[in-house]
Amino acid sequence: MNAIKKSVITCPICGHKKTEVMPVDACQFFYECENCKTVLKPKKGDCCVYCSYGSVACPSIQCKDGKTSC
C-alpha cells in the first residue's frame, strides 16, 4: 500500500478546512491558515502540523509501520 499524500488540515482556531498535498521527504513544521492567518505549529509529541491537525498522518509516520511504501 502506498502512503496517502493528501490530508484535510483543520485550523483549531477558526475551523477552516483545506485539502493539502503533504511533502513525502520532510516534515512540515508551520502552516498558515488561509482564513484567519494563524500560523499552526505541531502539538507536543507530533512531528508535523499534519499529524496534529490533519485528517491523515504524514507519510513519514505512515511508512514507519512497514506496511506502507513511500
N, C-alpha and C. Protein backbone atom coordinates (compact mmCIF):
# COMPACT_ATOMS: atom_id res chain seq x y z
N MET A 1 0.84 -1.18 0.00
CA MET A 1 0.00 0.00 0.00
C MET A 1 0.89 1.24 0.00
N ASN A 2 0.54 2.22 -0.80
CA ASN A 2 1.29 3.47 -0.87
C ASN A 2 0.79 4.46 0.17
N ALA A 3 1.68 5.32 0.61
CA ALA A 3 1.32 6.35 1.59
C ALA A 3 0.30 7.30 0.98
N ILE A 4 -0.65 7.72 1.80
CA ILE A 4 -1.63 8.73 1.39
C ILE A 4 -0.93 10.07 1.43
N LYS A 5 -1.04 10.83 0.38
CA LYS A 5 -0.29 12.08 0.28
C LYS A 5 -1.16 13.33 0.42
N LYS A 6 -2.47 13.15 0.56
CA LYS A 6 -3.36 14.30 0.76
C LYS A 6 -3.99 14.20 2.14
N SER A 7 -4.14 15.35 2.77
CA SER A 7 -4.74 15.43 4.09
C SER A 7 -5.58 16.68 4.18
N VAL A 8 -6.68 16.60 4.91
CA VAL A 8 -7.51 17.78 5.16
C VAL A 8 -7.02 18.36 6.48
N ILE A 9 -6.44 19.54 6.40
CA ILE A 9 -5.93 20.20 7.60
C ILE A 9 -7.01 21.15 8.11
N THR A 10 -7.27 21.08 9.42
CA THR A 10 -8.33 21.88 10.04
C THR A 10 -7.72 22.84 11.05
N CYS A 11 -7.99 24.11 10.89
CA CYS A 11 -7.48 25.12 11.81
C CYS A 11 -8.23 25.00 13.14
N PRO A 12 -7.50 24.86 14.24
CA PRO A 12 -8.16 24.75 15.54
C PRO A 12 -8.75 26.08 16.05
N ILE A 13 -8.38 27.17 15.41
CA ILE A 13 -8.86 28.49 15.83
C ILE A 13 -10.19 28.83 15.17
N CYS A 14 -10.25 28.73 13.84
CA CYS A 14 -11.47 29.14 13.13
C CYS A 14 -12.24 27.98 12.50
N GLY A 15 -11.65 26.77 12.48
CA GLY A 15 -12.34 25.62 11.92
C GLY A 15 -12.24 25.48 10.41
N HIS A 16 -11.52 26.38 9.76
CA HIS A 16 -11.35 26.32 8.30
C HIS A 16 -10.65 25.01 7.91
N LYS A 17 -11.14 24.37 6.86
CA LYS A 17 -10.57 23.11 6.37
C LYS A 17 -10.05 23.30 4.95
N LYS A 18 -8.91 22.67 4.67
CA LYS A 18 -8.38 22.72 3.32
C LYS A 18 -7.61 21.43 3.04
N THR A 19 -7.81 20.88 1.86
CA THR A 19 -7.06 19.69 1.44
C THR A 19 -5.71 20.14 0.92
N GLU A 20 -4.67 19.53 1.45
CA GLU A 20 -3.29 19.87 1.07
C GLU A 20 -2.55 18.59 0.69
N VAL A 21 -1.56 18.74 -0.17
CA VAL A 21 -0.65 17.64 -0.51
C VAL A 21 0.53 17.72 0.46
N MET A 22 0.77 16.62 1.16
CA MET A 22 1.84 16.60 2.15
C MET A 22 3.19 16.30 1.51
N PRO A 23 4.25 16.89 2.01
CA PRO A 23 5.59 16.56 1.50
C PRO A 23 5.93 15.12 1.90
N VAL A 24 6.59 14.39 1.02
CA VAL A 24 6.94 12.99 1.33
C VAL A 24 8.35 12.86 1.87
N ASP A 25 9.15 13.90 1.74
CA ASP A 25 10.56 13.79 2.14
C ASP A 25 10.94 14.71 3.29
N ALA A 26 9.94 15.34 3.93
CA ALA A 26 10.23 16.25 5.03
C ALA A 26 8.98 16.44 5.87
N CYS A 27 9.17 16.88 7.10
CA CYS A 27 8.05 17.23 7.97
C CYS A 27 7.77 18.72 7.82
N GLN A 28 6.50 19.09 7.86
CA GLN A 28 6.12 20.50 7.75
C GLN A 28 5.82 21.00 9.16
N PHE A 29 6.64 21.94 9.62
CA PHE A 29 6.53 22.43 10.99
C PHE A 29 5.58 23.62 11.14
N PHE A 30 5.35 24.35 10.06
CA PHE A 30 4.49 25.53 10.12
C PHE A 30 3.47 25.49 9.00
N TYR A 31 2.27 25.99 9.30
CA TYR A 31 1.21 26.07 8.29
C TYR A 31 0.36 27.29 8.62
N GLU A 32 0.18 28.18 7.66
CA GLU A 32 -0.65 29.36 7.87
C GLU A 32 -2.06 29.12 7.35
N CYS A 33 -3.04 29.25 8.23
CA CYS A 33 -4.44 29.11 7.84
C CYS A 33 -4.77 30.24 6.87
N GLU A 34 -5.31 29.87 5.71
CA GLU A 34 -5.63 30.90 4.72
C GLU A 34 -6.83 31.74 5.12
N ASN A 35 -7.61 31.29 6.09
CA ASN A 35 -8.79 32.04 6.51
C ASN A 35 -8.47 33.06 7.61
N CYS A 36 -7.88 32.60 8.72
CA CYS A 36 -7.65 33.52 9.85
C CYS A 36 -6.19 33.93 10.01
N LYS A 37 -5.33 33.36 9.16
CA LYS A 37 -3.89 33.69 9.13
C LYS A 37 -3.11 33.22 10.37
N THR A 38 -3.71 32.37 11.20
CA THR A 38 -3.00 31.80 12.33
C THR A 38 -1.92 30.85 11.81
N VAL A 39 -0.72 30.95 12.36
CA VAL A 39 0.36 30.03 11.99
C VAL A 39 0.31 28.84 12.94
N LEU A 40 0.02 27.69 12.40
CA LEU A 40 -0.06 26.46 13.19
C LEU A 40 1.31 25.84 13.34
N LYS A 41 1.54 25.26 14.52
CA LYS A 41 2.77 24.52 14.82
C LYS A 41 2.35 23.17 15.37
N PRO A 42 3.19 22.14 15.23
CA PRO A 42 2.82 20.82 15.75
C PRO A 42 2.57 20.85 17.25
N LYS A 43 1.62 20.01 17.69
CA LYS A 43 1.40 19.83 19.12
C LYS A 43 2.58 19.05 19.70
N LYS A 44 2.79 19.19 20.99
CA LYS A 44 3.88 18.48 21.65
C LYS A 44 3.76 16.98 21.38
N GLY A 45 4.85 16.38 20.94
CA GLY A 45 4.88 14.95 20.65
C GLY A 45 4.59 14.59 19.20
N ASP A 46 4.08 15.54 18.42
CA ASP A 46 3.81 15.30 17.00
C ASP A 46 4.97 15.83 16.17
N CYS A 47 5.22 15.18 15.02
CA CYS A 47 6.36 15.58 14.20
C CYS A 47 6.05 16.73 13.26
N CYS A 48 4.76 16.94 12.95
CA CYS A 48 4.44 17.99 11.98
C CYS A 48 2.99 18.45 12.15
N VAL A 49 2.61 19.48 11.40
CA VAL A 49 1.25 20.02 11.50
C VAL A 49 0.20 19.04 10.99
N TYR A 50 0.57 18.15 10.06
CA TYR A 50 -0.40 17.18 9.55
C TYR A 50 -0.74 16.13 10.61
N CYS A 51 0.26 15.75 11.41
CA CYS A 51 -0.01 14.79 12.49
C CYS A 51 -0.87 15.44 13.58
N SER A 52 -0.77 16.75 13.75
CA SER A 52 -1.55 17.45 14.77
C SER A 52 -2.94 17.87 14.29
N TYR A 53 -3.05 18.35 13.06
CA TYR A 53 -4.30 18.97 12.60
C TYR A 53 -4.87 18.37 11.32
N GLY A 54 -4.21 17.37 10.76
CA GLY A 54 -4.65 16.78 9.51
C GLY A 54 -5.54 15.56 9.70
N SER A 55 -6.24 15.21 8.64
CA SER A 55 -7.12 14.03 8.66
C SER A 55 -6.33 12.74 8.50
N VAL A 56 -5.08 12.87 8.02
CA VAL A 56 -4.20 11.72 7.79
C VAL A 56 -2.82 12.08 8.33
N ALA A 57 -2.17 11.15 8.99
CA ALA A 57 -0.80 11.38 9.46
C ALA A 57 0.13 11.55 8.26
N CYS A 58 1.24 12.22 8.48
CA CYS A 58 2.18 12.48 7.39
C CYS A 58 2.79 11.18 6.85
N PRO A 59 3.30 11.21 5.61
CA PRO A 59 3.86 10.00 5.00
C PRO A 59 4.97 9.34 5.83
N SER A 60 5.81 10.13 6.50
CA SER A 60 6.88 9.50 7.28
C SER A 60 6.33 8.68 8.43
N ILE A 61 5.25 9.09 9.05
CA ILE A 61 4.62 8.30 10.11
C ILE A 61 3.88 7.10 9.51
N GLN A 62 3.21 7.30 8.38
CA GLN A 62 2.53 6.20 7.72
C GLN A 62 3.51 5.08 7.34
N CYS A 63 4.72 5.46 6.96
CA CYS A 63 5.71 4.48 6.48
C CYS A 63 6.44 3.77 7.61
N LYS A 64 6.35 4.29 8.82
CA LYS A 64 7.05 3.67 9.95
C LYS A 64 6.55 2.26 10.27
N ASP A 65 5.29 1.97 9.95
CA ASP A 65 4.74 0.67 10.29
C ASP A 65 5.24 -0.45 9.39
N GLY A 66 5.89 -0.10 8.29
CA GLY A 66 6.44 -1.10 7.37
C GLY A 66 5.41 -1.67 6.41
N LYS A 67 4.15 -1.34 6.56
CA LYS A 67 3.08 -1.85 5.69
C LYS A 67 2.81 -0.90 4.53
N THR A 68 3.32 0.32 4.66
CA THR A 68 3.08 1.36 3.66
C THR A 68 4.39 1.71 2.98
N SER A 69 4.35 1.83 1.67
CA SER A 69 5.56 2.25 0.96
C SER A 69 5.48 3.74 0.66
N CYS A 70 6.63 4.35 0.67
CA CYS A 70 6.70 5.79 0.37
C CYS A 70 7.33 5.94 -0.96
